Structure formats: C-alpha cells, structure tokens
Amino acid sequence: MLRVAVIPGDGIGVEVTREACRVLERVAALHGKSLRLISFDFGAERYLRDGVTLPQDALARFRSEFDAILLGAVGDPRVKDNRHALDILFGLRFGLDLYCNVRPVKLLDRRLTPLRDRTERDIQFTIFRENTEDLYVGIGGTFKKGTDDEVAIEESISTRKGVYRIIDAAFAYAVARGLEKVTMSDKSNALRHAGDLWTRSFEDVAQKYPDIAREHLYVDALALELVRDPSRFQVIVTANMFGDILTD
C-alpha cells in the first residue's frame, strides 16, 4: 500500500489539495494500487491556534511511515511574517533533504500561451532546480538595523555534493525519457566562485552521459531564449534562486 501524507496548507491550497486527492484516488484505482491518504493540519489555522508549525516528530514520521507528501500552498495574511509557512516549507525541504525540485513546463493548449505561433510541441521541457543550497540556506544577518548605516548580508552556499547530484539527476532524467540535451544555466561571468563549481561539475557529470548533448547558458540569456525559442530546450538544470525565478 502506498501511504501519502497530505498537508492541505492554507487558503486555496486546501481546495486544490482536496481535488488532487480525488485525482490520486482515481489514478490509484485505475492502476490497481492501494492508496492511503493521511491528512495533517499543519498550516496557519494550527499555528494561530496553538503556535505549532511543524512538530518535532513530524519529519521522523514522514521519513519512516510515508512514501510521499502532498503539500498544498501555504501562506496566510493573518500571519504577518509567514513564519508558519517558512517553517513548514524549509523544515520539509532541509529536514528531508529534498534537493531535487523538478518543475515540468508543458503547454496544454496553444490558446493558453501569449507566444505567437507556438504550439503544444514547442513548449515541453523540464527544469531541475537545486533545492537545498544557494541563497536559501539562511546564512547572513543585519548590522545597525534601522539606521542610515544599515548593512544586510545574505550568503550563498554551493557544495560539490549538492551541485553534482542535481546535475546528475537532470542527466539521468534525460536518459530515462529518451531526451537528447541538457542545458545548465548559471551566472559564472559574475559569480565566479559558485559559477566555477557549477561549470566544472557540469563537465564532470556530462562525461558519464556521452550520448546526451550539453549546453551552457548564462541565466539572463536563458530567460531571453525561453521566450524567444522555448522549443530548443528539453532539460534545464540550475541553482536554487535562478530556478525559483525562472519557473515561477
């Protein structure tokens, strides 16, 4: 039996998750799979009621008792700093080491795109966003806050392990689906240290997959090409912040 933990979240997240559960149950039935959905009330209502965001034992339960987690949108204007949402999202992401954020992009109907003369065949690619490093690790601080001399520092972290494994996942995905090319995007012309690590790791991983073509684009050039000619892309792999901006 497949066990899925369901965190409906807040607002529209509750509505979307409810319908997603109906779809999951239908798909499981069609494929003859046993499925059990177990709901958890982590979200704004719980936080406002008793101050709980993500309980201490939740990660251990998710890791040992469940095959997957279905998470709805989180965020509520009643929680001004969105503390509960950050605790839930980052708690799951870092606590379970969910490093691989896979975001498929597929045009379902040509009438839905503002791009002229583009069809369903032109827009179907997948972006692999590294999900546990970069500017999202929360390293930094402020000095002389609230004064004219205020300083804010936000540090970006990239590790060989983290960069290598997300690039490898992108190549493995391409092979598994019979695709021909992986594009890596960074800003190594300006961010020299992290960029150098990404560039070297990309070349190293590519050696394992000689049948997959590789391409490198700076992230600003990639943003342009995604609009100008999305059909040229199959699999894209990039860092946490770039992947967040490009896909959202």
C-alpha atoms as a PDB file:
ATOM      1  CA  MET A   1       0.000   0.000   0.000  1.00  0.00           C
ATOM      2  CA  LEU A   2       1.189   3.484  -0.875  1.00  0.00           C
ATOM      3  CA  ARG A   3       0.932   5.910   2.024  1.00  0.00           C
ATOM      4  CA  VAL A   4       0.757   9.635   1.290  1.00  0.00           C
ATOM      5  CA  ALA A   5       0.885  12.351   3.933  1.00  0.00           C
ATOM      6  CA  VAL A   6      -1.373  15.252   2.960  1.00  0.00           C
ATOM      7  CA  ILE A   7      -0.723  18.783   4.229  1.00  0.00           C
ATOM      8  CA  PRO A   8      -3.555  20.876   2.739  1.00  0.00           C
ATOM      9  CA  GLY A   9      -1.938  24.177   3.737  1.00  0.00           C
ATOM     10  CA  ASP A  10      -3.813  27.475   3.638  1.00  0.00           C
ATOM     11  CA  GLY A  11      -6.420  29.252   1.534  1.00  0.00           C
ATOM     12  CA  ILE A  12      -6.675  27.896  -1.972  1.00  0.00           C
ATOM     13  CA  GLY A  13      -4.167  25.202  -1.012  1.00  0.00           C
ATOM     14  CA  VAL A  14      -6.941  23.414   0.846  1.00  0.00           C
ATOM     15  CA  GLU A  15      -9.230  23.466  -2.197  1.00  0.00           C
ATOM     16  CA  VAL A  16      -6.548  22.386  -4.662  1.00  0.00           C
ATOM     17  CA  THR A  17      -5.273  19.622  -2.401  1.00  0.00           C
ATOM     18  CA  ARG A  18      -8.783  18.255  -1.915  1.00  0.00           C
ATOM     19  CA  GLU A  19      -9.224  17.874  -5.673  1.00  0.00           C
ATOM     20  CA  ALA A  20      -5.693  16.489  -6.052  1.00  0.00           C
ATOM     21  CA  CYS A  21      -6.562  13.765  -3.550  1.00  0.00           C
ATOM     22  CA  ARG A  22      -9.600  12.828  -5.635  1.00  0.00           C
ATOM     23  CA  VAL A  23      -7.365  12.551  -8.697  1.00  0.00           C
ATOM     24  CA  LEU A  24      -4.832  10.424  -6.818  1.00  0.00           C
ATOM     25  CA  GLU A  25      -7.530   8.059  -5.635  1.00  0.00           C
ATOM     26  CA  ARG A  26      -8.893   7.707  -9.161  1.00  0.00           C
ATOM     27  CA  VAL A  27      -5.452   7.106 -10.683  1.00  0.00           C
ATOM     28  CA  ALA A  28      -4.623   4.541  -7.995  1.00  0.00           C
ATOM     29  CA  ALA A  29      -7.873   2.700  -8.704  1.00  0.00           C
ATOM     30  CA  LEU A  30      -7.232   2.686 -12.453  1.00  0.00           C
ATOM     31  CA  HIS A  31      -3.806   1.135 -11.904  1.00  0.00           C
ATOM     32  CA  GLY A  32      -4.930  -1.320  -9.245  1.00  0.00           C
ATOM     33  CA  LYS A  33      -2.874   0.308  -6.490  1.00  0.00           C
ATOM     34  CA  SER A  34      -3.791   0.512  -2.830  1.00  0.00           C
ATOM     35  CA  LEU A  35      -3.560   4.075  -1.548  1.00  0.00           C
ATOM     36  CA  ARG A  36      -3.988   5.589   1.879  1.00  0.00           C
ATOM     37  CA  LEU A  37      -4.118   9.375   2.307  1.00  0.00           C
ATOM     38  CA  ILE A  38      -3.488  10.689   5.816  1.00  0.00           C
ATOM     39  CA  SER A  39      -4.079  14.388   6.475  1.00  0.00           C
ATOM     40  CA  PHE A  40      -2.056  16.655   8.774  1.00  0.00           C
ATOM     41  CA  ASP A  41      -3.364  20.038   9.898  1.00  0.00           C
ATOM     42  CA  PHE A  42      -0.092  21.974   9.663  1.00  0.00           C
ATOM     43  CA  GLY A  43      -0.848  25.491   8.472  1.00  0.00           C
ATOM     44  CA  ALA A  44      -2.000  28.923   9.559  1.00  0.00           C
ATOM     45  CA  GLU A  45      -5.068  27.739  11.482  1.00  0.00           C
ATOM     46  CA  ARG A  46      -2.997  25.378  13.612  1.00  0.00           C
ATOM     47  CA  TYR A  47      -0.275  27.982  14.101  1.00  0.00           C
ATOM     48  CA  LEU A  48      -2.726  30.685  15.179  1.00  0.00           C
ATOM     49  CA  ARG A  49      -4.461  28.238  17.499  1.00  0.00           C
ATOM     50  CA  ASP A  50      -1.511  26.747  19.369  1.00  0.00           C
ATOM     51  CA  GLY A  51       1.715  28.102  17.853  1.00  0.00           C
ATOM     52  CA  VAL A  52       2.680  24.831  16.158  1.00  0.00           C
ATOM     53  CA  THR A  53       4.234  24.982  12.685  1.00  0.00           C
ATOM     54  CA  LEU A  54       5.975  21.657  12.026  1.00  0.00           C
ATOM     55  CA  PRO A  55       6.087  19.420  15.143  1.00  0.00           C
ATOM     56  CA  GLN A  56       9.380  17.870  16.193  1.00  0.00           C
ATOM     57  CA  ASP A  57       8.289  14.313  15.434  1.00  0.00           C
ATOM     58  CA  ALA A  58       6.738  15.085  12.046  1.00  0.00           C
ATOM     59  CA  LEU A  59       9.879  14.616   9.969  1.00  0.00           C
ATOM     60  CA  ALA A  60      10.642  11.264  11.572  1.00  0.00           C
ATOM     61  CA  ARG A  61       7.105  10.089  10.822  1.00  0.00           C
ATOM     62  CA  PHE A  62       7.223  11.292   7.240  1.00  0.00           C
ATOM     63  CA  ARG A  63      10.566   9.592   6.710  1.00  0.00           C
ATOM     64  CA  SER A  64       9.608   6.230   8.201  1.00  0.00           C
ATOM     65  CA  GLU A  65       5.879   5.877   7.572  1.00  0.00           C
ATOM     66  CA  PHE A  66       5.134   7.509   4.212  1.00  0.00           C
ATOM     67  CA  ASP A  67       6.052   7.122   0.562  1.00  0.00           C
ATOM     68  CA  ALA A  68       5.256  10.712  -0.403  1.00  0.00           C
ATOM     69  CA  ILE A  69       3.960  14.051   0.865  1.00  0.00           C
ATOM     70  CA  LEU A  70       1.282  16.090  -0.907  1.00  0.00           C
ATOM     71  CA  LEU A  71       1.714  19.710   0.186  1.00  0.00           C
ATOM     72  CA  GLY A  72      -0.747  22.469  -0.622  1.00  0.00           C
ATOM     73  CA  ALA A  73       0.048  26.175  -0.859  1.00  0.00           C
ATOM     74  CA  VAL A  74       0.936  27.787   2.472  1.00  0.00           C
ATOM     75  CA  GLY A  75       0.678  31.438   3.441  1.00  0.00           C
ATOM     76  CA  ASP A  76      -1.937  33.499   5.257  1.00  0.00           C
ATOM     77  CA  PRO A  77      -2.228  37.301   5.647  1.00  0.00           C
ATOM     78  CA  ARG A  78      -3.103  36.807   9.307  1.00  0.00           C
ATOM     79  CA  VAL A  79       0.466  35.617   9.888  1.00  0.00           C
ATOM     80  CA  LYS A  80       2.381  38.776   9.044  1.00  0.00           C
ATOM     81  CA  ASP A  81       5.862  37.270   8.740  1.00  0.00           C
ATOM     82  CA  ASN A  82       4.646  33.962   7.250  1.00  0.00           C
ATOM     83  CA  ARG A  83       6.615  32.212   9.970  1.00  0.00           C
ATOM     84  CA  HIS A  84       4.489  29.088   9.790  1.00  0.00           C
ATOM     85  CA  ALA A  85       4.900  28.801   6.015  1.00  0.00           C
ATOM     86  CA  LEU A  86       8.675  29.136   6.181  1.00  0.00           C
ATOM     87  CA  ASP A  87       8.910  26.581   8.976  1.00  0.00           C
ATOM     88  CA  ILE A  88       6.826  24.077   7.020  1.00  0.00           C
ATOM     89  CA  LEU A  89       8.474  24.602   3.632  1.00  0.00           C
ATOM     90  CA  PHE A  90      12.066  24.836   4.816  1.00  0.00           C
ATOM     91  CA  GLY A  91      11.511  22.245   7.525  1.00  0.00           C
ATOM     92  CA  LEU A  92      10.439  19.673   4.949  1.00  0.00           C
ATOM     93  CA  ARG A  93      12.998  20.756   2.368  1.00  0.00           C
ATOM     94  CA  PHE A  94      16.065  20.722   4.585  1.00  0.00           C
ATOM     95  CA  GLY A  95      14.903  18.152   7.123  1.00  0.00           C
ATOM     96  CA  LEU A  96      14.190  15.533   4.447  1.00  0.00           C
ATOM     97  CA  ASP A  97      16.995  16.708   2.123  1.00  0.00           C
ATOM     98  CA  LEU A  98      14.579  17.318  -0.758  1.00  0.00           C
ATOM     99  CA  TYR A  99      17.317  18.586  -3.040  1.00  0.00           C
ATOM    100  CA  CYS A 100      15.652  17.875  -6.372  1.00  0.00           C
ATOM    101  CA  ASN A 101      12.902  20.334  -7.320  1.00  0.00           C
ATOM    102  CA  VAL A 102      11.590  19.034 -10.646  1.00  0.00           C
ATOM    103  CA  ARG A 103       9.373  21.510 -12.489  1.00  0.00           C
ATOM    104  CA  PRO A 104       7.860  20.345 -15.793  1.00  0.00           C
ATOM    105  CA  VAL A 105       6.694  23.013 -18.230  1.00  0.00           C
ATOM    106  CA  LYS A 106       4.140  21.862 -20.785  1.00  0.00           C
ATOM    107  CA  LEU A 107       1.737  23.826 -22.954  1.00  0.00           C
ATOM    108  CA  LEU A 108      -1.608  22.037 -22.836  1.00  0.00           C
ATOM    109  CA  ASP A 109      -3.342  24.178 -25.459  1.00  0.00           C
ATOM    110  CA  ARG A 110      -1.854  26.714 -27.881  1.00  0.00           C
ATOM    111  CA  ARG A 111      -4.584  29.195 -26.958  1.00  0.00           C
ATOM    112  CA  LEU A 112      -3.080  29.462 -23.471  1.00  0.00           C
ATOM    113  CA  THR A 113       0.275  30.943 -24.471  1.00  0.00           C
ATOM    114  CA  PRO A 114       0.978  34.612 -25.290  1.00  0.00           C
ATOM    115  CA  LEU A 115       3.840  33.500 -27.553  1.00  0.00           C
ATOM    116  CA  ARG A 116       2.897  33.923 -31.193  1.00  0.00           C
ATOM    117  CA  ASP A 117       2.789  30.866 -33.454  1.00  0.00           C
ATOM    118  CA  ARG A 118       3.801  28.472 -30.687  1.00  0.00           C
ATOM    119  CA  THR A 119       2.083  25.103 -30.385  1.00  0.00           C
ATOM    120  CA  GLU A 120       1.968  22.326 -27.818  1.00  0.00           C
ATOM    121  CA  ARG A 121       5.025  20.711 -29.431  1.00  0.00           C
ATOM    122  CA  ASP A 122       7.112  23.850 -28.919  1.00  0.00           C
ATOM    123  CA  ILE A 123       6.747  24.157 -25.153  1.00  0.00           C
ATOM    124  CA  GLN A 124       7.543  20.972 -23.265  1.00  0.00           C
ATOM    125  CA  PHE A 125      10.657  20.955 -21.131  1.00  0.00           C
ATOM    126  CA  THR A 126      11.625  20.284 -17.518  1.00  0.00           C
ATOM    127  CA  ILE A 127      13.641  22.456 -15.146  1.00  0.00           C
ATOM    128  CA  PHE A 128      15.707  20.882 -12.372  1.00  0.00           C
ATOM    129  CA  ARG A 129      16.102  23.424  -9.580  1.00  0.00           C
ATOM    130  CA  GLU A 130      18.608  22.676  -6.823  1.00  0.00           C
ATOM    131  CA  ASN A 131      16.504  22.926  -3.677  1.00  0.00           C
ATOM    132  CA  THR A 132      18.688  22.914  -0.547  1.00  0.00           C
ATOM    133  CA  GLU A 133      21.547  25.372  -1.124  1.00  0.00           C
ATOM    134  CA  ASP A 134      22.311  28.797  -2.632  1.00  0.00           C
ATOM    135  CA  LEU A 135      20.771  31.905  -1.022  1.00  0.00           C
ATOM    136  CA  TYR A 136      18.018  29.896   0.674  1.00  0.00           C
ATOM    137  CA  VAL A 137      20.099  28.411   3.491  1.00  0.00           C
ATOM    138  CA  GLY A 138      19.505  31.424   5.735  1.00  0.00           C
ATOM    139  CA  ILE A 139      23.124  32.366   6.410  1.00  0.00           C
ATOM    140  CA  GLY A 140      23.579  36.098   6.937  1.00  0.00           C
ATOM    141  CA  GLY A 141      22.398  38.906   9.143  1.00  0.00           C
ATOM    142  CA  THR A 142      21.972  42.619   9.639  1.00  0.00           C
ATOM    143  CA  PHE A 143      24.101  45.279  11.314  1.00  0.00           C
ATOM    144  CA  LYS A 144      22.926  48.685  12.548  1.00  0.00           C
ATOM    145  CA  LYS A 145      19.375  47.823  11.542  1.00  0.00           C
ATOM    146  CA  GLY A 146      17.018  50.765  11.184  1.00  0.00           C
ATOM    147  CA  THR A 147      19.800  53.307  10.743  1.00  0.00           C
ATOM    148  CA  ASP A 148      21.252  55.031   7.688  1.00  0.00           C
ATOM    149  CA  ASP A 149      24.291  52.761   8.036  1.00  0.00           C
ATOM    150  CA  GLU A 150      22.310  49.519   7.992  1.00  0.00           C
ATOM    151  CA  VAL A 151      24.040  46.532   6.403  1.00  0.00           C
ATOM    152  CA  ALA A 152      22.253  43.368   5.233  1.00  0.00           C
ATOM    153  CA  ILE A 153      24.223  40.234   4.362  1.00  0.00           C
ATOM    154  CA  GLU A 154      22.803  37.173   2.603  1.00  0.00           C
ATOM    155  CA  GLU A 155      25.301  34.431   1.829  1.00  0.00           C
ATOM    156  CA  SER A 156      25.032  31.909  -0.986  1.00  0.00           C
ATOM    157  CA  ILE A 157      26.269  28.376  -0.354  1.00  0.00           C
ATOM    158  CA  SER A 158      27.124  25.840  -3.060  1.00  0.00           C
ATOM    159  CA  THR A 159      28.710  22.470  -2.305  1.00  0.00           C
ATOM    160  CA  ARG A 160      30.291  19.984  -4.662  1.00  0.00           C
ATOM    161  CA  LYS A 161      27.900  17.296  -3.420  1.00  0.00           C
ATOM    162  CA  GLY A 162      24.828  19.474  -3.861  1.00  0.00           C
ATOM    163  CA  VAL A 163      25.728  20.754  -7.318  1.00  0.00           C
ATOM    164  CA  TYR A 164      26.897  17.380  -8.626  1.00  0.00           C
ATOM    165  CA  ARG A 165      23.812  15.448  -7.554  1.00  0.00           C
ATOM    166  CA  ILE A 166      21.269  17.850  -9.068  1.00  0.00           C
ATOM    167  CA  ILE A 167      23.150  17.907 -12.379  1.00  0.00           C
ATOM    168  CA  ASP A 168      23.397  14.120 -12.335  1.00  0.00           C
ATOM    169  CA  ALA A 169      19.652  13.878 -11.673  1.00  0.00           C
ATOM    170  CA  ALA A 170      18.967  16.072 -14.714  1.00  0.00           C
ATOM    171  CA  PHE A 171      21.101  13.903 -16.995  1.00  0.00           C
ATOM    172  CA  ALA A 172      19.589  10.686 -15.619  1.00  0.00           C
ATOM    173  CA  TYR A 173      16.114  12.099 -16.272  1.00  0.00           C
ATOM    174  CA  ALA A 174      17.060  12.877 -19.873  1.00  0.00           C
ATOM    175  CA  VAL A 175      18.339   9.340 -20.418  1.00  0.00           C
ATOM    176  CA  ALA A 176      15.281   7.725 -18.829  1.00  0.00           C
ATOM    177  CA  ARG A 177      12.952   9.667 -21.122  1.00  0.00           C
ATOM    178  CA  GLY A 178      14.904   9.342 -24.332  1.00  0.00           C
ATOM    179  CA  LEU A 179      15.796  13.034 -24.493  1.00  0.00           C
ATOM    180  CA  GLU A 180      18.875  14.398 -26.204  1.00  0.00           C
ATOM    181  CA  LYS A 181      20.091  17.547 -24.440  1.00  0.00           C
ATOM    182  CA  VAL A 182      20.655  19.065 -21.000  1.00  0.00           C
ATOM    183  CA  THR A 183      21.156  22.807 -20.559  1.00  0.00           C
ATOM    184  CA  MET A 184      22.939  24.153 -17.480  1.00  0.00           C
ATOM    185  CA  SER A 185      22.400  27.777 -16.534  1.00  0.00           C
ATOM    186  CA  ASP A 186      24.386  29.933 -14.126  1.00  0.00           C
ATOM    187  CA  LYS A 187      25.923  33.393 -13.884  1.00  0.00           C
ATOM    188  CA  SER A 188      29.563  32.355 -13.847  1.00  0.00           C
ATOM    189  CA  ASN A 189      30.657  35.504 -15.667  1.00  0.00           C
ATOM    190  CA  ALA A 190      29.794  37.448 -12.497  1.00  0.00           C
ATOM    191  CA  LEU A 191      29.511  34.876  -9.687  1.00  0.00           C
ATOM    192  CA  ARG A 192      32.941  33.408 -10.254  1.00  0.00           C
ATOM    193  CA  HIS A 193      33.355  31.025  -7.327  1.00  0.00           C
ATOM    194  CA  ALA A 194      29.974  29.293  -7.398  1.00  0.00           C
ATOM    195  CA  GLY A 195      29.954  29.551 -11.181  1.00  0.00           C
ATOM    196  CA  ASP A 196      33.273  27.755 -11.421  1.00  0.00           C
ATOM    197  CA  LEU A 197      31.954  24.928  -9.233  1.00  0.00           C
ATOM    198  CA  TRP A 198      28.819  24.590 -11.369  1.00  0.00           C
ATOM    199  CA  THR A 199      30.793  24.669 -14.626  1.00  0.00           C
ATOM    200  CA  ARG A 200      33.309  22.036 -13.529  1.00  0.00           C
ATOM    201  CA  SER A 201      30.626  19.805 -12.034  1.00  0.00           C
ATOM    202  CA  PHE A 202      28.564  20.054 -15.222  1.00  0.00           C
ATOM    203  CA  GLU A 203      31.519  18.951 -17.327  1.00  0.00           C
ATOM    204  CA  ASP A 204      32.344  16.111 -14.930  1.00  0.00           C
ATOM    205  CA  VAL A 205      28.802  14.746 -14.872  1.00  0.00           C
ATOM    206  CA  ALA A 206      28.459  15.071 -18.640  1.00  0.00           C
ATOM    207  CA  GLN A 207      31.323  12.608 -19.108  1.00  0.00           C
ATOM    208  CA  LYS A 208      29.071   9.894 -17.668  1.00  0.00           C
ATOM    209  CA  TYR A 209      26.456  10.557 -20.343  1.00  0.00           C
ATOM    210  CA  PRO A 210      28.293  10.769 -23.692  1.00  0.00           C
ATOM    211  CA  ASP A 211      25.084  10.348 -25.702  1.00  0.00           C
ATOM    212  CA  ILE A 212      23.449  13.432 -24.172  1.00  0.00           C
ATOM    213  CA  ALA A 213      24.324  16.801 -25.702  1.00  0.00           C
ATOM    214  CA  ARG A 214      25.201  19.527 -23.214  1.00  0.00           C
ATOM    215  CA  GLU A 215      24.719  23.264 -23.393  1.00  0.00           C
ATOM    216  CA  HIS A 216      25.614  26.159 -21.104  1.00  0.00           C
ATOM    217  CA  LEU A 217      23.765  29.486 -20.972  1.00  0.00           C
ATOM    218  CA  TYR A 218      24.044  32.420 -18.603  1.00  0.00           C
ATOM    219  CA  VAL A 219      20.768  32.816 -16.767  1.00  0.00           C
ATOM    220  CA  ASP A 220      19.874  36.143 -18.389  1.00  0.00           C
ATOM    221  CA  ALA A 221      20.412  34.628 -21.837  1.00  0.00           C
ATOM    222  CA  LEU A 222      18.309  31.636 -20.806  1.00  0.00           C
ATOM    223  CA  ALA A 223      15.438  33.904 -19.748  1.00  0.00           C
ATOM    224  CA  LEU A 224      15.538  35.501 -23.191  1.00  0.00           C
ATOM    225  CA  GLU A 225      15.660  32.185 -25.045  1.00  0.00           C
ATOM    226  CA  LEU A 226      12.777  30.708 -23.049  1.00  0.00           C
ATOM    227  CA  VAL A 227      10.601  33.405 -24.595  1.00  0.00           C
ATOM    228  CA  ARG A 228      12.265  33.620 -27.990  1.00  0.00           C
ATOM    229  CA  ASP A 229      12.541  29.901 -28.740  1.00  0.00           C
ATOM    230  CA  PRO A 230      11.332  27.547 -25.980  1.00  0.00           C
ATOM    231  CA  SER A 231      11.366  24.611 -28.392  1.00  0.00           C
ATOM    232  CA  ARG A 232      15.165  24.380 -28.164  1.00  0.00           C
ATOM    233  CA  PHE A 233      15.023  23.167 -24.538  1.00  0.00           C
ATOM    234  CA  GLN A 234      14.420  19.683 -23.153  1.00  0.00           C
ATOM    235  CA  VAL A 235      16.017  19.597 -19.692  1.00  0.00           C
ATOM    236  CA  ILE A 236      17.397  22.613 -17.821  1.00  0.00           C
ATOM    237  CA  VAL A 237      19.362  22.437 -14.568  1.00  0.00           C
ATOM    238  CA  THR A 238      20.213  25.448 -12.436  1.00  0.00           C
ATOM    239  CA  ALA A 239      20.761  26.782  -8.931  1.00  0.00           C
ATOM    240  CA  ASN A 240      18.072  27.366  -6.333  1.00  0.00           C
ATOM    241  CA  MET A 241      17.391  31.074  -6.823  1.00  0.00           C
ATOM    242  CA  PHE A 242      17.674  31.045 -10.614  1.00  0.00           C
ATOM    243  CA  GLY A 243      15.362  28.039 -10.807  1.00  0.00           C
ATOM    244  CA  ASP A 244      12.860  29.697  -8.499  1.00  0.00           C
ATOM    245  CA  ILE A 245      12.719  32.886 -10.569  1.00  0.00           C
ATOM    246  CA  LEU A 246      12.667  31.192 -13.973  1.00  0.00           C
ATOM    247  CA  THR A 247       9.912  28.727 -13.139  1.00  0.00           C
ATOM    248  CA  ASP A 248       7.663  30.977 -11.066  1.00  0.00           C
END
